[in-house]
Amino acid sequence: MKRLLPCLALAVSTANAQCVMCFRTAAAQQMERARVLNIGIGIMLFPPVLILAGFLYLAYRRNSSYAEEEHTEPRQ
């Protein structure tokens, strides 16, 4: 849990970051169009982040199940 907090802080700080091409396109547009472009970028970011979170959750769950097996096996 202590490792998750710094990662979360980094994710939040970069959540509004965009590629240079998107930034230049948004800067050349009117304010409303730039806002809509930013929303679209955020929407496109959601599925990969959700998939990555799912993989990390499965890896964490599998790791904890192996840890439980090590503690329950008797030593010879």
PDB file of N, CA and C in Angstrom:
ATOM      1  N   MET A   1       0.819  -1.196   0.000  1.00  0.00           N
ATOM      2  CA  MET A   1       0.000   0.000   0.000  1.00  0.00           C
ATOM      3  C   MET A   1       0.858   1.253   0.000  1.00  0.00           C
ATOM      4  N   LYS A   2       2.006   1.183   0.682  1.00  0.00           N
ATOM      5  CA  LYS A   2       2.893   2.342   0.730  1.00  0.00           C
ATOM      6  C   LYS A   2       3.491   2.644  -0.636  1.00  0.00           C
ATOM      7  N   ARG A   3       3.655   1.631  -1.462  1.00  0.00           N
ATOM      8  CA  ARG A   3       4.187   1.838  -2.807  1.00  0.00           C
ATOM      9  C   ARG A   3       3.135   2.395  -3.747  1.00  0.00           C
ATOM     10  N   LEU A   4       1.890   2.155  -3.460  1.00  0.00           N
ATOM     11  CA  LEU A   4       0.810   2.590  -4.339  1.00  0.00           C
ATOM     12  C   LEU A   4       0.591   4.095  -4.277  1.00  0.00           C
ATOM     13  N   LEU A   5       0.816   4.694  -3.130  1.00  0.00           N
ATOM     14  CA  LEU A   5       0.572   6.128  -2.961  1.00  0.00           C
ATOM     15  C   LEU A   5       1.438   6.990  -3.874  1.00  0.00           C
ATOM     16  N   PRO A   6       2.756   6.772  -3.974  1.00  0.00           N
ATOM     17  CA  PRO A   6       3.547   7.586  -4.909  1.00  0.00           C
ATOM     18  C   PRO A   6       3.142   7.364  -6.365  1.00  0.00           C
ATOM     19  N   CYS A   7       2.797   6.134  -6.707  1.00  0.00           N
ATOM     20  CA  CYS A   7       2.358   5.860  -8.080  1.00  0.00           C
ATOM     21  C   CYS A   7       1.054   6.588  -8.385  1.00  0.00           C
ATOM     22  N   LEU A   8       0.167   6.624  -7.425  1.00  0.00           N
ATOM     23  CA  LEU A   8      -1.094   7.327  -7.604  1.00  0.00           C
ATOM     24  C   LEU A   8      -0.860   8.820  -7.763  1.00  0.00           C
ATOM     25  N   ALA A   9       0.074   9.370  -6.988  1.00  0.00           N
ATOM     26  CA  ALA A   9       0.387  10.794  -7.104  1.00  0.00           C
ATOM     27  C   ALA A   9       0.953  11.122  -8.483  1.00  0.00           C
ATOM     28  N   LEU A  10       1.797  10.252  -9.023  1.00  0.00           N
ATOM     29  CA  LEU A  10       2.332  10.472 -10.368  1.00  0.00           C
ATOM     30  C   LEU A  10       1.247  10.365 -11.426  1.00  0.00           C
ATOM     31  N   ALA A  11       0.329   9.430 -11.254  1.00  0.00           N
ATOM     32  CA  ALA A  11      -0.744   9.252 -12.229  1.00  0.00           C
ATOM     33  C   ALA A  11      -1.661  10.471 -12.253  1.00  0.00           C
ATOM     34  N   VAL A  12      -1.950  11.029 -11.101  1.00  0.00           N
ATOM     35  CA  VAL A  12      -2.831  12.191 -11.034  1.00  0.00           C
ATOM     36  C   VAL A  12      -2.158  13.408 -11.662  1.00  0.00           C
ATOM     37  N   SER A  13      -0.860  13.569 -11.437  1.00  0.00           N
ATOM     38  CA  SER A  13      -0.165  14.740 -11.973  1.00  0.00           C
ATOM     39  C   SER A  13      -0.049  14.691 -13.487  1.00  0.00           C
ATOM     40  N   THR A  14       0.009  13.498 -14.077  1.00  0.00           N
ATOM     41  CA  THR A  14       0.131  13.386 -15.524  1.00  0.00           C
ATOM     42  C   THR A  14      -1.196  13.139 -16.218  1.00  0.00           C
ATOM     43  N   ALA A  15      -2.287  13.165 -15.483  1.00  0.00           N
ATOM     44  CA  ALA A  15      -3.582  12.868 -16.081  1.00  0.00           C
ATOM     45  C   ALA A  15      -3.989  13.887 -17.134  1.00  0.00           C
ATOM     46  N   ASN A  16      -3.575  15.136 -17.001  1.00  0.00           N
ATOM     47  CA  ASN A  16      -3.933  16.156 -17.970  1.00  0.00           C
ATOM     48  C   ASN A  16      -2.880  16.342 -19.053  1.00  0.00           C
ATOM     49  N   ALA A  17      -1.839  15.535 -19.064  1.00  0.00           N
ATOM     50  CA  ALA A  17      -0.785  15.663 -20.070  1.00  0.00           C
ATOM     51  C   ALA A  17      -1.284  15.156 -21.415  1.00  0.00           C
ATOM     52  N   GLN A  18      -0.763  15.751 -22.475  1.00  0.00           N
ATOM     53  CA  GLN A  18      -1.129  15.339 -23.826  1.00  0.00           C
ATOM     54  C   GLN A  18       0.120  15.323 -24.682  1.00  0.00           C
ATOM     55  N   CYS A  19       0.005  14.694 -25.831  1.00  0.00           N
ATOM     56  CA  CYS A  19       1.135  14.723 -26.753  1.00  0.00           C
ATOM     57  C   CYS A  19       1.246  16.134 -27.337  1.00  0.00           C
ATOM     58  N   VAL A  20       2.401  16.438 -27.924  1.00  0.00           N
ATOM     59  CA  VAL A  20       2.643  17.782 -28.438  1.00  0.00           C
ATOM     60  C   VAL A  20       1.672  18.125 -29.560  1.00  0.00           C
ATOM     61  N   MET A  21       1.393  17.154 -30.434  1.00  0.00           N
ATOM     62  CA  MET A  21       0.489  17.417 -31.544  1.00  0.00           C
ATOM     63  C   MET A  21      -0.912  17.747 -31.037  1.00  0.00           C
ATOM     64  N   CYS A  22      -1.391  17.015 -30.056  1.00  0.00           N
ATOM     65  CA  CYS A  22      -2.718  17.308 -29.488  1.00  0.00           C
ATOM     66  C   CYS A  22      -2.719  18.670 -28.801  1.00  0.00           C
ATOM     67  N   PHE A  23      -1.627  18.986 -28.110  1.00  0.00           N
ATOM     68  CA  PHE A  23      -1.539  20.267 -27.423  1.00  0.00           C
ATOM     69  C   PHE A  23      -1.588  21.423 -28.422  1.00  0.00           C
ATOM     70  N   ARG A  24      -0.835  21.317 -29.507  1.00  0.00           N
ATOM     71  CA  ARG A  24      -0.814  22.387 -30.523  1.00  0.00           C
ATOM     72  C   ARG A  24      -2.168  22.520 -31.202  1.00  0.00           C
ATOM     73  N   THR A  25      -2.813  21.406 -31.482  1.00  0.00           N
ATOM     74  CA  THR A  25      -4.140  21.448 -32.096  1.00  0.00           C
ATOM     75  C   THR A  25      -5.136  22.105 -31.161  1.00  0.00           C
ATOM     76  N   ALA A  26      -5.072  21.752 -29.894  1.00  0.00           N
ATOM     77  CA  ALA A  26      -5.995  22.339 -28.922  1.00  0.00           C
ATOM     78  C   ALA A  26      -5.724  23.825 -28.740  1.00  0.00           C
ATOM     79  N   ALA A  27      -4.448  24.222 -28.776  1.00  0.00           N
ATOM     80  CA  ALA A  27      -4.111  25.637 -28.600  1.00  0.00           C
ATOM     81  C   ALA A  27      -4.582  26.475 -29.781  1.00  0.00           C
ATOM     82  N   ALA A  28      -4.641  25.878 -30.965  1.00  0.00           N
ATOM     83  CA  ALA A  28      -5.069  26.612 -32.152  1.00  0.00           C
ATOM     84  C   ALA A  28      -6.596  26.721 -32.243  1.00  0.00           C
ATOM     85  N   GLN A  29      -7.307  25.950 -31.464  1.00  0.00           N
ATOM     86  CA  GLN A  29      -8.765  25.946 -31.516  1.00  0.00           C
ATOM     87  C   GLN A  29      -9.347  26.974 -30.546  1.00  0.00           C
ATOM     88  N   GLN A  30     -10.646  27.152 -30.677  1.00  0.00           N
ATOM     89  CA  GLN A  30     -11.341  27.993 -29.705  1.00  0.00           C
ATOM     90  C   GLN A  30     -11.400  27.236 -28.380  1.00  0.00           C
ATOM     91  N   MET A  31     -11.698  27.953 -27.315  1.00  0.00           N
ATOM     92  CA  MET A  31     -11.661  27.366 -25.975  1.00  0.00           C
ATOM     93  C   MET A  31     -12.629  26.179 -25.845  1.00  0.00           C
ATOM     94  N   GLU A  32     -13.811  26.282 -26.395  1.00  0.00           N
ATOM     95  CA  GLU A  32     -14.794  25.192 -26.284  1.00  0.00           C
ATOM     96  C   GLU A  32     -14.312  23.950 -27.033  1.00  0.00           C
ATOM     97  N   ARG A  33     -13.769  24.138 -28.215  1.00  0.00           N
ATOM     98  CA  ARG A  33     -13.275  22.990 -28.984  1.00  0.00           C
ATOM     99  C   ARG A  33     -12.072  22.356 -28.292  1.00  0.00           C
ATOM    100  N   ALA A  34     -11.219  23.154 -27.703  1.00  0.00           N
ATOM    101  CA  ALA A  34     -10.074  22.613 -26.974  1.00  0.00           C
ATOM    102  C   ALA A  34     -10.545  21.797 -25.772  1.00  0.00           C
ATOM    103  N   ARG A  35     -11.573  22.252 -25.096  1.00  0.00           N
ATOM    104  CA  ARG A  35     -12.116  21.513 -23.946  1.00  0.00           C
ATOM    105  C   ARG A  35     -12.675  20.172 -24.393  1.00  0.00           C
ATOM    106  N   VAL A  36     -13.387  20.168 -25.522  1.00  0.00           N
ATOM    107  CA  VAL A  36     -13.952  18.924 -26.045  1.00  0.00           C
ATOM    108  C   VAL A  36     -12.830  17.970 -26.458  1.00  0.00           C
ATOM    109  N   LEU A  37     -11.760  18.493 -27.048  1.00  0.00           N
ATOM    110  CA  LEU A  37     -10.622  17.659 -27.416  1.00  0.00           C
ATOM    111  C   LEU A  37      -9.991  17.037 -26.177  1.00  0.00           C
ATOM    112  N   ASN A  38      -9.846  17.798 -25.119  1.00  0.00           N
ATOM    113  CA  ASN A  38      -9.291  17.264 -23.871  1.00  0.00           C
ATOM    114  C   ASN A  38     -10.182  16.176 -23.282  1.00  0.00           C
ATOM    115  N   ILE A  39     -11.485  16.357 -23.357  1.00  0.00           N
ATOM    116  CA  ILE A  39     -12.407  15.331 -22.868  1.00  0.00           C
ATOM    117  C   ILE A  39     -12.268  14.062 -23.701  1.00  0.00           C
ATOM    118  N   GLY A  40     -12.141  14.224 -25.021  1.00  0.00           N
ATOM    119  CA  GLY A  40     -11.958  13.066 -25.900  1.00  0.00           C
ATOM    120  C   GLY A  40     -10.679  12.310 -25.598  1.00  0.00           C
ATOM    121  N   ILE A  41      -9.607  13.030 -25.310  1.00  0.00           N
ATOM    122  CA  ILE A  41      -8.342  12.390 -24.956  1.00  0.00           C
ATOM    123  C   ILE A  41      -8.501  11.615 -23.654  1.00  0.00           C
ATOM    124  N   GLY A  42      -9.210  12.200 -22.706  1.00  0.00           N
ATOM    125  CA  GLY A  42      -9.451  11.503 -21.442  1.00  0.00           C
ATOM    126  C   GLY A  42     -10.279  10.249 -21.622  1.00  0.00           C
ATOM    127  N   ILE A  43     -11.269  10.318 -22.496  1.00  0.00           N
ATOM    128  CA  ILE A  43     -12.114   9.147 -22.755  1.00  0.00           C
ATOM    129  C   ILE A  43     -11.298   8.036 -23.416  1.00  0.00           C
ATOM    130  N   MET A  44     -10.409   8.416 -24.340  1.00  0.00           N
ATOM    131  CA  MET A  44      -9.574   7.417 -25.010  1.00  0.00           C
ATOM    132  C   MET A  44      -8.539   6.815 -24.065  1.00  0.00           C
ATOM    133  N   LEU A  45      -8.197   7.513 -23.008  1.00  0.00           N
ATOM    134  CA  LEU A  45      -7.232   7.018 -22.044  1.00  0.00           C
ATOM    135  C   LEU A  45      -7.852   6.002 -21.089  1.00  0.00           C
ATOM    136  N   PHE A  46      -9.144   6.063 -20.880  1.00  0.00           N
ATOM    137  CA  PHE A  46      -9.820   5.237 -19.883  1.00  0.00           C
ATOM    138  C   PHE A  46      -9.686   3.730 -20.134  1.00  0.00           C
ATOM    139  N   PRO A  47      -9.966   3.202 -21.334  1.00  0.00           N
ATOM    140  CA  PRO A  47      -9.872   1.739 -21.522  1.00  0.00           C
ATOM    141  C   PRO A  47      -8.476   1.157 -21.272  1.00  0.00           C
ATOM    142  N   PRO A  48      -7.380   1.755 -21.780  1.00  0.00           N
ATOM    143  CA  PRO A  48      -6.074   1.161 -21.466  1.00  0.00           C
ATOM    144  C   PRO A  48      -5.747   1.172 -19.975  1.00  0.00           C
ATOM    145  N   VAL A  49      -6.136   2.232 -19.283  1.00  0.00           N
ATOM    146  CA  VAL A  49      -5.869   2.305 -17.848  1.00  0.00           C
ATOM    147  C   VAL A  49      -6.687   1.237 -17.117  1.00  0.00           C
ATOM    148  N   LEU A  50      -7.914   1.034 -17.538  1.00  0.00           N
ATOM    149  CA  LEU A  50      -8.769   0.016 -16.920  1.00  0.00           C
ATOM    150  C   LEU A  50      -8.209  -1.383 -17.154  1.00  0.00           C
ATOM    151  N   ILE A  51      -7.727  -1.654 -18.367  1.00  0.00           N
ATOM    152  CA  ILE A  51      -7.140  -2.958 -18.669  1.00  0.00           C
ATOM    153  C   ILE A  51      -5.872  -3.176 -17.845  1.00  0.00           C
ATOM    154  N   LEU A  52      -5.022  -2.158 -17.769  1.00  0.00           N
ATOM    155  CA  LEU A  52      -3.800  -2.265 -16.965  1.00  0.00           C
ATOM    156  C   LEU A  52      -4.129  -2.507 -15.495  1.00  0.00           C
ATOM    157  N   ALA A  53      -5.122  -1.806 -14.984  1.00  0.00           N
ATOM    158  CA  ALA A  53      -5.533  -2.007 -13.592  1.00  0.00           C
ATOM    159  C   ALA A  53      -6.022  -3.440 -13.380  1.00  0.00           C
ATOM    160  N   GLY A  54      -6.738  -3.992 -14.349  1.00  0.00           N
ATOM    161  CA  GLY A  54      -7.204  -5.374 -14.243  1.00  0.00           C
ATOM    162  C   GLY A  54      -6.048  -6.366 -14.195  1.00  0.00           C
ATOM    163  N   PHE A  55      -5.044  -6.152 -15.067  1.00  0.00           N
ATOM    164  CA  PHE A  55      -3.875  -7.029 -15.055  1.00  0.00           C
ATOM    165  C   PHE A  55      -3.120  -6.926 -13.733  1.00  0.00           C
ATOM    166  N   LEU A  56      -2.964  -5.717 -13.239  1.00  0.00           N
ATOM    167  CA  LEU A  56      -2.258  -5.543 -11.966  1.00  0.00           C
ATOM    168  C   LEU A  56      -3.014  -6.188 -10.820  1.00  0.00           C
ATOM    169  N   TYR A  57      -4.346  -6.084 -10.836  1.00  0.00           N
ATOM    170  CA  TYR A  57      -5.149  -6.716  -9.795  1.00  0.00           C
ATOM    171  C   TYR A  57      -5.001  -8.236  -9.844  1.00  0.00           C
ATOM    172  N   LEU A  58      -5.047  -8.807 -11.054  1.00  0.00           N
ATOM    173  CA  LEU A  58      -4.892 -10.256 -11.179  1.00  0.00           C
ATOM    174  C   LEU A  58      -3.505 -10.698 -10.725  1.00  0.00           C
ATOM    175  N   ALA A  59      -2.466  -9.940 -11.062  1.00  0.00           N
ATOM    176  CA  ALA A  59      -1.117 -10.280 -10.631  1.00  0.00           C
ATOM    177  C   ALA A  59      -1.003 -10.199  -9.117  1.00  0.00           C
ATOM    178  N   TYR A  60      -1.596  -9.177  -8.513  1.00  0.00           N
ATOM    179  CA  TYR A  60      -1.562  -9.039  -7.055  1.00  0.00           C
ATOM    180  C   TYR A  60      -2.298 -10.202  -6.389  1.00  0.00           C
ATOM    181  N   ARG A  61      -3.450 -10.559  -6.930  1.00  0.00           N
ATOM    182  CA  ARG A  61      -4.232 -11.650  -6.356  1.00  0.00           C
ATOM    183  C   ARG A  61      -3.495 -12.982  -6.476  1.00  0.00           C
ATOM    184  N   ARG A  62      -2.865 -13.206  -7.630  1.00  0.00           N
ATOM    185  CA  ARG A  62      -2.122 -14.448  -7.817  1.00  0.00           C
ATOM    186  C   ARG A  62      -0.906 -14.487  -6.893  1.00  0.00           C
ATOM    187  N   ASN A  63      -0.240 -13.364  -6.731  1.00  0.00           N
ATOM    188  CA  ASN A  63       0.925 -13.307  -5.857  1.00  0.00           C
ATOM    189  C   ASN A  63       0.523 -13.591  -4.413  1.00  0.00           C
ATOM    190  N   SER A  64      -0.590 -13.026  -3.978  1.00  0.00           N
ATOM    191  CA  SER A  64      -1.014 -13.269  -2.595  1.00  0.00           C
ATOM    192  C   SER A  64      -1.474 -14.714  -2.400  1.00  0.00           C
ATOM    193  N   SER A  65      -2.027 -15.352  -3.439  1.00  0.00           N
ATOM    194  CA  SER A  65      -2.430 -16.753  -3.289  1.00  0.00           C
ATOM    195  C   SER A  65      -1.200 -17.655  -3.180  1.00  0.00           C
ATOM    196  N   TYR A  66      -0.124 -17.332  -3.912  1.00  0.00           N
ATOM    197  CA  TYR A  66       1.108 -18.098  -3.775  1.00  0.00           C
ATOM    198  C   TYR A  66       1.744 -17.881  -2.403  1.00  0.00           C
ATOM    199  N   ALA A  67       1.646 -16.687  -1.885  1.00  0.00           N
ATOM    200  CA  ALA A  67       2.188 -16.403  -0.562  1.00  0.00           C
ATOM    201  C   ALA A  67       1.441 -17.199   0.505  1.00  0.00           C
ATOM    202  N   GLU A  68       0.122 -17.346   0.348  1.00  0.00           N
ATOM    203  CA  GLU A  68      -0.659 -18.128   1.308  1.00  0.00           C
ATOM    204  C   GLU A  68      -0.273 -19.603   1.244  1.00  0.00           C
ATOM    205  N   GLU A  69       0.000 -20.112   0.028  1.00  0.00           N
ATOM    206  CA  GLU A  69       0.397 -21.512  -0.106  1.00  0.00           C
ATOM    207  C   GLU A  69       1.735 -21.767   0.584  1.00  0.00           C
ATOM    208  N   GLU A  70       2.660 -20.826   0.520  1.00  0.00           N
ATOM    209  CA  GLU A  70       3.957 -20.998   1.164  1.00  0.00           C
ATOM    210  C   GLU A  70       3.810 -21.069   2.682  1.00  0.00           C
ATOM    211  N   HIS A  71       2.884 -20.307   3.228  1.00  0.00           N
ATOM    212  CA  HIS A  71       2.703 -20.298   4.674  1.00  0.00           C
ATOM    213  C   HIS A  71       1.950 -21.529   5.167  1.00  0.00           C
ATOM    214  N   THR A  72       1.132 -22.148   4.341  1.00  0.00           N
ATOM    215  CA  THR A  72       0.332 -23.285   4.787  1.00  0.00           C
ATOM    216  C   THR A  72       1.046 -24.614   4.604  1.00  0.00           C
ATOM    217  N   GLU A  73       2.067 -24.685   3.729  1.00  0.00           N
ATOM    218  CA  GLU A  73       2.767 -25.950   3.516  1.00  0.00           C
ATOM    219  C   GLU A  73       3.685 -26.255   4.705  1.00  0.00           C
ATOM    220  N   PRO A  74       3.632 -27.483   5.204  1.00  0.00           N
ATOM    221  CA  PRO A  74       4.537 -27.844   6.310  1.00  0.00           C
ATOM    222  C   PRO A  74       5.955 -28.031   5.779  1.00  0.00           C
ATOM    223  N   ARG A  75       6.924 -27.659   6.605  1.00  0.00           N
ATOM    224  CA  ARG A  75       8.329 -27.817   6.227  1.00  0.00           C
ATOM    225  C   ARG A  75       8.789 -29.224   6.574  1.00  0.00           C
ATOM    226  N   GLN A  76       9.676 -29.760   5.753  1.00  0.00           N
ATOM    227  CA  GLN A  76      10.175 -31.117   5.989  1.00  0.00           C
ATOM    228  C   GLN A  76      11.597 -31.106   6.457  1.00  0.00           C
TER     229      GLN A  76
END
